[in-house]
Protein backbone atom coordinates (compact mmCIF):
# COMPACT_ATOMS: atom_id res chain seq x y z
CA GLN A 1 107.46 98.24 73.34
CA VAL A 2 105.21 99.68 76.04
CA HIS A 3 106.30 99.44 79.84
CA LEU A 4 103.48 98.59 82.19
CA VAL A 5 103.41 98.87 85.89
CA GLU A 6 100.52 97.89 88.05
CA SER A 7 99.44 99.24 91.51
CA GLY A 8 96.52 98.99 93.76
CA GLY A 9 96.81 95.50 95.29
CA GLY A 10 96.76 94.47 98.86
CA LEU A 11 94.94 92.69 101.51
CA VAL A 12 91.12 92.94 101.81
CA GLN A 13 88.45 91.01 103.43
CA SER A 14 85.85 88.86 101.67
CA GLY A 15 83.04 91.34 100.16
CA GLY A 16 85.47 94.28 99.99
CA SER A 17 86.65 96.11 96.95
CA LEU A 18 89.99 97.13 95.39
CA ARG A 19 90.93 99.28 92.36
CA LEU A 20 94.01 98.13 90.30
CA SER A 21 95.53 100.50 88.06
CA CYS A 22 98.16 99.85 85.23
CA VAL A 23 100.21 102.85 84.01
CA ALA A 24 101.61 102.54 80.39
CA SER A 25 104.53 104.46 79.13
CA GLY A 26 106.12 104.24 75.75
CA GLY A 27 104.33 103.15 72.79
CA THR A 28 100.95 104.12 71.59
CA PHE A 29 98.61 103.15 74.59
CA SER A 30 95.24 104.26 73.04
CA THR A 31 95.98 101.98 69.98
CA TYR A 32 96.36 98.70 72.24
CA ALA A 33 93.51 96.67 73.56
CA MET A 34 94.28 96.01 77.18
CA SER A 35 93.82 92.95 79.27
CA TRP A 36 93.91 91.96 82.98
CA TYR A 37 95.28 88.44 83.75
CA ARG A 38 95.70 86.83 87.06
CA GLN A 39 97.49 83.81 88.43
CA ALA A 40 96.66 81.93 91.71
CA PRO A 41 99.09 79.83 93.56
CA GLY A 42 99.55 76.59 91.72
CA LYS A 43 97.23 77.51 88.89
CA GLU A 44 97.49 78.65 85.43
CA ARG A 45 97.36 82.39 84.40
CA GLU A 46 93.95 83.13 83.30
CA LEU A 47 92.17 86.05 81.40
CA VAL A 48 89.98 88.30 83.72
CA ALA A 49 88.94 91.10 81.50
CA ARG A 50 89.73 92.82 78.43
CA ILE A 51 88.98 96.21 76.81
CA ALA A 52 89.40 97.18 73.29
CA SER A 53 91.37 99.99 72.11
CA ALA A 54 88.92 102.04 69.85
CA SER A 55 85.44 101.04 70.75
CA GLY A 56 86.23 100.35 74.41
CA SER A 57 84.03 97.27 74.38
CA THR A 58 84.67 94.95 77.28
CA SER A 59 84.64 91.18 78.02
CA TYR A 60 84.87 89.18 81.32
CA ALA A 61 85.61 85.77 82.57
CA ASP A 62 82.53 84.14 83.81
CA SER A 63 83.93 84.10 87.20
CA VAL A 64 84.07 87.91 87.81
CA LYS A 65 81.28 89.04 85.62
CA GLY A 66 78.97 91.43 87.51
CA ARG A 67 81.80 91.97 90.11
CA PHE A 68 84.80 93.48 88.21
CA THR A 69 84.74 96.36 85.94
CA ILE A 70 87.66 97.14 83.42
CA SER A 71 88.06 100.70 82.11
CA ARG A 72 90.73 102.89 80.48
CA ASP A 73 91.77 106.41 80.44
CA ASN A 74 93.79 106.94 77.25
CA ALA A 75 94.65 110.61 78.43
CA LYS A 76 96.41 108.93 81.49
CA ASN A 77 97.80 105.97 79.54
CA THR A 78 96.19 103.77 82.47
CA VAL A 79 93.71 101.01 82.41
CA TYR A 80 91.84 100.04 85.66
CA LEU A 81 90.35 97.06 87.14
CA GLN A 82 87.61 97.64 89.65
CA MET A 83 86.95 94.65 91.69
CA ASN A 84 83.83 94.56 94.00
CA ARG A 85 82.44 91.88 96.25
CA LEU A 86 85.77 90.05 96.34
CA LYS A 87 86.05 86.37 97.28
CA PRO A 88 88.95 84.52 98.69
CA GLU A 89 89.15 82.74 95.27
CA ASP A 90 90.18 86.00 93.76
CA THR A 91 93.45 85.81 95.57
CA ALA A 92 96.15 86.08 92.97
CA VAL A 93 98.91 88.05 91.19
CA TYR A 94 97.11 90.36 88.83
CA TYR A 95 98.86 91.43 85.52
CA CYS A 96 97.97 93.95 83.01
CA ALA A 97 99.03 93.21 79.48
CA ALA A 98 99.06 94.53 75.92
CA ILE A 99 98.83 91.20 74.23
CA ARG A 100 99.14 92.32 70.70
CA ILE A 101 102.64 93.48 71.57
CA ASN A 102 103.44 90.90 74.12
CA SER A 103 104.02 93.45 76.94
CA TRP A 104 103.31 92.50 80.44
CA GLY A 105 103.72 94.28 83.77
CA LYS A 106 105.20 92.60 86.64
CA GLY A 107 102.02 92.22 88.62
CA THR A 108 100.38 93.12 91.95
CA LEU A 109 99.14 90.88 94.55
CA VAL A 110 95.62 90.60 95.51
CA THR A 111 94.85 88.87 98.77
CA VAL A 112 91.24 88.16 99.93
CA SER A 113 90.73 87.02 103.28
CA SER A 114 87.72 85.02 104.41
């Protein structure tokens, strides 16, 4: 099992940027595809972005495509989510996850004010 800890959330104005980080401990981080999910108040959790383990290929939800970038540094056991041009509708708790082994972090809150 891998332990995941997110950081980098906070309050930002609409149009601003934040970078989320997720540090993994235990397991073999480099072998896991990693994902960022988010859950807004009263809504279901949704997939935001995913990055493959080996190829590093990425995919994004349509709602964040062109604004968010997922990346990873396997030497640091860390996955990032760079979020630009934030909108109030991006307000949510953001979670990183290694889905294949069903490991989830506890989340970090992002609040975007209008």
